[in-house]
Amino acid sequence: MYDLREDPEELNNIYLSLEHRELRDELTRKLWTLQASLGDSPHESQPTPKGLDLIG
């Protein structure tokens, strides 16, 4: 995950940054919701994101 305004060359991955945790969690929930709406499911090794109870 990269901040393209601040880092257009994608040199600093901010995925694990505590400052961007809310955004990362929101995007993860959106991805899971999209996958579910398409009939797809994440790999069983992927934990269900907090605040999401779609896939069981």
PDB file of N, CA and C in Angstrom:
ATOM      1  N   MET A   1       0.862  -1.142   0.000  1.00  0.00           N
ATOM      2  CA  MET A   1       0.000   0.000   0.000  1.00  0.00           C
ATOM      3  C   MET A   1       0.922   1.221   0.000  1.00  0.00           C
ATOM      4  N   TYR A   2       0.652   2.134  -0.902  1.00  0.00           N
ATOM      5  CA  TYR A   2       1.529   3.291  -1.074  1.00  0.00           C
ATOM      6  C   TYR A   2       0.723   4.584  -1.120  1.00  0.00           C
ATOM      7  N   ASP A   3       1.294   5.651  -0.593  1.00  0.00           N
ATOM      8  CA  ASP A   3       0.724   6.986  -0.692  1.00  0.00           C
ATOM      9  C   ASP A   3       1.308   7.609  -1.957  1.00  0.00           C
ATOM     10  N   LEU A   4       0.555   7.555  -3.033  1.00  0.00           N
ATOM     11  CA  LEU A   4       1.078   7.995  -4.330  1.00  0.00           C
ATOM     12  C   LEU A   4       1.303   9.498  -4.413  1.00  0.00           C
ATOM     13  N   ARG A   5       0.634  10.271  -3.578  1.00  0.00           N
ATOM     14  CA  ARG A   5       0.890  11.724  -3.567  1.00  0.00           C
ATOM     15  C   ARG A   5       2.246  12.023  -2.944  1.00  0.00           C
ATOM     16  N   GLU A   6       2.533  11.349  -1.836  1.00  0.00           N
ATOM     17  CA  GLU A   6       3.787  11.589  -1.121  1.00  0.00           C
ATOM     18  C   GLU A   6       4.937  10.731  -1.647  1.00  0.00           C
ATOM     19  N   ASP A   7       4.607   9.611  -2.255  1.00  0.00           N
ATOM     20  CA  ASP A   7       5.623   8.645  -2.682  1.00  0.00           C
ATOM     21  C   ASP A   7       5.255   8.071  -4.055  1.00  0.00           C
ATOM     22  N   PRO A   8       5.288   8.920  -5.102  1.00  0.00           N
ATOM     23  CA  PRO A   8       4.843   8.469  -6.427  1.00  0.00           C
ATOM     24  C   PRO A   8       5.685   7.342  -7.020  1.00  0.00           C
ATOM     25  N   GLU A   9       6.882   7.153  -6.496  1.00  0.00           N
ATOM     26  CA  GLU A   9       7.728   6.078  -7.024  1.00  0.00           C
ATOM     27  C   GLU A   9       7.543   4.770  -6.252  1.00  0.00           C
ATOM     28  N   GLU A  10       6.623   4.792  -5.298  1.00  0.00           N
ATOM     29  CA  GLU A  10       6.270   3.604  -4.511  1.00  0.00           C
ATOM     30  C   GLU A  10       7.484   2.948  -3.862  1.00  0.00           C
ATOM     31  N   LEU A  11       8.230   3.761  -3.129  1.00  0.00           N
ATOM     32  CA  LEU A  11       9.426   3.267  -2.460  1.00  0.00           C
ATOM     33  C   LEU A  11       9.168   2.924  -0.995  1.00  0.00           C
ATOM     34  N   ASN A  12       8.097   3.480  -0.405  1.00  0.00           N
ATOM     35  CA  ASN A  12       7.817   3.296   1.013  1.00  0.00           C
ATOM     36  C   ASN A  12       6.457   2.630   1.207  1.00  0.00           C
ATOM     37  N   ASN A  13       6.466   1.347   1.479  1.00  0.00           N
ATOM     38  CA  ASN A  13       5.222   0.614   1.699  1.00  0.00           C
ATOM     39  C   ASN A  13       4.686   0.964   3.084  1.00  0.00           C
ATOM     40  N   ILE A  14       3.464   1.516   3.119  1.00  0.00           N
ATOM     41  CA  ILE A  14       2.872   1.964   4.380  1.00  0.00           C
ATOM     42  C   ILE A  14       1.853   0.970   4.931  1.00  0.00           C
ATOM     43  N   TYR A  15       1.795  -0.213   4.382  1.00  0.00           N
ATOM     44  CA  TYR A  15       0.801  -1.207   4.797  1.00  0.00           C
ATOM     45  C   TYR A  15       0.832  -1.478   6.295  1.00  0.00           C
ATOM     46  N   LEU A  16       1.984  -1.593   6.876  1.00  0.00           N
ATOM     47  CA  LEU A  16       2.087  -1.910   8.299  1.00  0.00           C
ATOM     48  C   LEU A  16       2.178  -0.675   9.185  1.00  0.00           C
ATOM     49  N   SER A  17       2.113   0.505   8.598  1.00  0.00           N
ATOM     50  CA  SER A  17       2.202   1.751   9.355  1.00  0.00           C
ATOM     51  C   SER A  17       0.990   1.918  10.269  1.00  0.00           C
ATOM     52  N   LEU A  18       1.241   2.165  11.552  1.00  0.00           N
ATOM     53  CA  LEU A  18       0.136   2.387  12.491  1.00  0.00           C
ATOM     54  C   LEU A  18      -0.680   3.613  12.103  1.00  0.00           C
ATOM     55  N   GLU A  19      -0.033   4.587  11.508  1.00  0.00           N
ATOM     56  CA  GLU A  19      -0.706   5.814  11.073  1.00  0.00           C
ATOM     57  C   GLU A  19      -1.786   5.529  10.026  1.00  0.00           C
ATOM     58  N   HIS A  20      -1.616   4.459   9.256  1.00  0.00           N
ATOM     59  CA  HIS A  20      -2.541   4.136   8.170  1.00  0.00           C
ATOM     60  C   HIS A  20      -3.379   2.889   8.454  1.00  0.00           C
ATOM     61  N   ARG A  21      -3.421   2.485   9.706  1.00  0.00           N
ATOM     62  CA  ARG A  21      -4.124   1.253  10.089  1.00  0.00           C
ATOM     63  C   ARG A  21      -5.618   1.285   9.748  1.00  0.00           C
ATOM     64  N   GLU A  22      -6.279   2.403  10.054  1.00  0.00           N
ATOM     65  CA  GLU A  22      -7.721   2.499   9.770  1.00  0.00           C
ATOM     66  C   GLU A  22      -8.003   2.342   8.281  1.00  0.00           C
ATOM     67  N   LEU A  23      -7.218   3.001   7.451  1.00  0.00           N
ATOM     68  CA  LEU A  23      -7.398   2.905   6.003  1.00  0.00           C
ATOM     69  C   LEU A  23      -7.166   1.471   5.535  1.00  0.00           C
ATOM     70  N   ARG A  24      -6.087   0.844   6.019  1.00  0.00           N
ATOM     71  CA  ARG A  24      -5.790  -0.541   5.650  1.00  0.00           C
ATOM     72  C   ARG A  24      -6.949  -1.458   6.033  1.00  0.00           C
ATOM     73  N   ASP A  25      -7.476  -1.299   7.248  1.00  0.00           N
ATOM     74  CA  ASP A  25      -8.581  -2.145   7.701  1.00  0.00           C
ATOM     75  C   ASP A  25      -9.843  -1.903   6.874  1.00  0.00           C
ATOM     76  N   GLU A  26     -10.107  -0.635   6.542  1.00  0.00           N
ATOM     77  CA  GLU A  26     -11.277  -0.302   5.714  1.00  0.00           C
ATOM     78  C   GLU A  26     -11.151  -0.930   4.328  1.00  0.00           C
ATOM     79  N   LEU A  27      -9.980  -0.820   3.724  1.00  0.00           N
ATOM     80  CA  LEU A  27      -9.776  -1.393   2.387  1.00  0.00           C
ATOM     81  C   LEU A  27      -9.871  -2.920   2.422  1.00  0.00           C
ATOM     82  N   THR A  28      -9.384  -3.523   3.494  1.00  0.00           N
ATOM     83  CA  THR A  28      -9.483  -4.982   3.636  1.00  0.00           C
ATOM     84  C   THR A  28     -10.946  -5.408   3.720  1.00  0.00           C
ATOM     85  N   ARG A  29     -11.733  -4.698   4.514  1.00  0.00           N
ATOM     86  CA  ARG A  29     -13.172  -5.029   4.616  1.00  0.00           C
ATOM     87  C   ARG A  29     -13.864  -4.848   3.265  1.00  0.00           C
ATOM     88  N   LYS A  30     -13.531  -3.785   2.547  1.00  0.00           N
ATOM     89  CA  LYS A  30     -14.132  -3.558   1.229  1.00  0.00           C
ATOM     90  C   LYS A  30     -13.772  -4.681   0.256  1.00  0.00           C
ATOM     91  N   LEU A  31     -12.528  -5.131   0.299  1.00  0.00           N
ATOM     92  CA  LEU A  31     -12.111  -6.226  -0.572  1.00  0.00           C
ATOM     93  C   LEU A  31     -12.883  -7.501  -0.246  1.00  0.00           C
ATOM     94  N   TRP A  32     -13.012  -7.824   1.026  1.00  0.00           N
ATOM     95  CA  TRP A  32     -13.751  -9.030   1.415  1.00  0.00           C
ATOM     96  C   TRP A  32     -15.224  -8.918   0.990  1.00  0.00           C
ATOM     97  N   THR A  33     -15.811  -7.736   1.153  1.00  0.00           N
ATOM     98  CA  THR A  33     -17.208  -7.531   0.757  1.00  0.00           C
ATOM     99  C   THR A  33     -17.363  -7.710  -0.746  1.00  0.00           C
ATOM    100  N   LEU A  34     -16.442  -7.167  -1.521  1.00  0.00           N
ATOM    101  CA  LEU A  34     -16.482  -7.319  -2.972  1.00  0.00           C
ATOM    102  C   LEU A  34     -16.338  -8.791  -3.357  1.00  0.00           C
ATOM    103  N   GLN A  35     -15.385  -9.477  -2.744  1.00  0.00           N
ATOM    104  CA  GLN A  35     -15.204 -10.899  -3.044  1.00  0.00           C
ATOM    105  C   GLN A  35     -16.489 -11.671  -2.768  1.00  0.00           C
ATOM    106  N   ALA A  36     -17.116 -11.408  -1.632  1.00  0.00           N
ATOM    107  CA  ALA A  36     -18.348 -12.116  -1.279  1.00  0.00           C
ATOM    108  C   ALA A  36     -19.451 -11.819  -2.284  1.00  0.00           C
ATOM    109  N   SER A  37     -19.558 -10.563  -2.730  1.00  0.00           N
ATOM    110  CA  SER A  37     -20.609 -10.191  -3.671  1.00  0.00           C
ATOM    111  C   SER A  37     -20.415 -10.863  -5.036  1.00  0.00           C
ATOM    112  N   LEU A  38     -19.168 -11.246  -5.326  1.00  0.00           N
ATOM    113  CA  LEU A  38     -18.862 -11.913  -6.588  1.00  0.00           C
ATOM    114  C   LEU A  38     -18.863 -13.432  -6.460  1.00  0.00           C
ATOM    115  N   GLY A  39     -19.180 -13.933  -5.263  1.00  0.00           N
ATOM    116  CA  GLY A  39     -19.208 -15.372  -5.051  1.00  0.00           C
ATOM    117  C   GLY A  39     -17.827 -15.970  -4.846  1.00  0.00           C
ATOM    118  N   ASP A  40     -16.855 -15.132  -4.584  1.00  0.00           N
ATOM    119  CA  ASP A  40     -15.486 -15.578  -4.362  1.00  0.00           C
ATOM    120  C   ASP A  40     -15.237 -15.615  -2.860  1.00  0.00           C
ATOM    121  N   SER A  41     -14.276 -16.394  -2.441  1.00  0.00           N
ATOM    122  CA  SER A  41     -13.919 -16.398  -1.028  1.00  0.00           C
ATOM    123  C   SER A  41     -12.403 -16.368  -0.893  1.00  0.00           C
ATOM    124  N   PRO A  42     -11.935 -15.667   0.141  1.00  0.00           N
ATOM    125  CA  PRO A  42     -10.502 -15.592   0.375  1.00  0.00           C
ATOM    126  C   PRO A  42      -9.934 -16.957   0.741  1.00  0.00           C
ATOM    127  N   HIS A  43      -8.643 -17.081   0.645  1.00  0.00           N
ATOM    128  CA  HIS A  43      -7.968 -18.318   1.036  1.00  0.00           C
ATOM    129  C   HIS A  43      -8.236 -18.573   2.515  1.00  0.00           C
ATOM    130  N   GLU A  44      -8.386 -19.820   2.873  1.00  0.00           N
ATOM    131  CA  GLU A  44      -8.715 -20.185   4.255  1.00  0.00           C
ATOM    132  C   GLU A  44      -7.669 -19.708   5.268  1.00  0.00           C
ATOM    133  N   SER A  45      -6.463 -19.434   4.825  1.00  0.00           N
ATOM    134  CA  SER A  45      -5.416 -18.967   5.744  1.00  0.00           C
ATOM    135  C   SER A  45      -5.572 -17.490   6.097  1.00  0.00           C
ATOM    136  N   GLN A  46      -6.445 -16.773   5.380  1.00  0.00           N
ATOM    137  CA  GLN A  46      -6.637 -15.347   5.642  1.00  0.00           C
ATOM    138  C   GLN A  46      -7.663 -15.146   6.751  1.00  0.00           C
ATOM    139  N   PRO A  47      -7.290 -14.462   7.825  1.00  0.00           N
ATOM    140  CA  PRO A  47      -8.258 -14.226   8.893  1.00  0.00           C
ATOM    141  C   PRO A  47      -9.316 -13.217   8.472  1.00  0.00           C
ATOM    142  N   THR A  48     -10.527 -13.415   8.938  1.00  0.00           N
ATOM    143  CA  THR A  48     -11.612 -12.478   8.647  1.00  0.00           C
ATOM    144  C   THR A  48     -11.298 -11.133   9.299  1.00  0.00           C
ATOM    145  N   PRO A  49     -11.423 -10.043   8.554  1.00  0.00           N
ATOM    146  CA  PRO A  49     -11.133  -8.714   9.129  1.00  0.00           C
ATOM    147  C   PRO A  49     -12.072  -8.378  10.273  1.00  0.00           C
ATOM    148  N   LYS A  50     -11.582  -7.595  11.211  1.00  0.00           N
ATOM    149  CA  LYS A  50     -12.403  -7.123  12.328  1.00  0.00           C
ATOM    150  C   LYS A  50     -13.590  -6.336  11.787  1.00  0.00           C
ATOM    151  N   GLY A  51     -14.744  -6.534  12.385  1.00  0.00           N
ATOM    152  CA  GLY A  51     -15.925  -5.784  11.988  1.00  0.00           C
ATOM    153  C   GLY A  51     -16.627  -6.348  10.774  1.00  0.00           C
ATOM    154  N   LEU A  52     -16.261  -7.552  10.367  1.00  0.00           N
ATOM    155  CA  LEU A  52     -16.872  -8.140   9.185  1.00  0.00           C
ATOM    156  C   LEU A  52     -17.302  -9.567   9.496  1.00  0.00           C
ATOM    157  N   ASP A  53     -18.568  -9.854   9.244  1.00  0.00           N
ATOM    158  CA  ASP A  53     -19.082 -11.197   9.495  1.00  0.00           C
ATOM    159  C   ASP A  53     -19.843 -11.674   8.263  1.00  0.00           C
ATOM    160  N   LEU A  54     -19.173 -11.644   7.109  1.00  0.00           N
ATOM    161  CA  LEU A  54     -19.793 -12.071   5.838  1.00  0.00           C
ATOM    162  C   LEU A  54     -19.560 -13.520   5.525  1.00  0.00           C
ATOM    163  N   ILE A  55     -18.340 -13.955   5.770  1.00  0.00           N
ATOM    164  CA  ILE A  55     -17.911 -15.255   5.287  1.00  0.00           C
ATOM    165  C   ILE A  55     -17.734 -16.173   6.479  1.00  0.00           C
ATOM    166  N   GLY A  56     -18.375 -17.310   6.419  1.00  0.00           N
ATOM    167  CA  GLY A  56     -18.280 -18.165   7.583  1.00  0.00           C
ATOM    168  C   GLY A  56     -18.250 -19.528   7.223  1.00  0.00           C
TER     169      GLY A  56
END
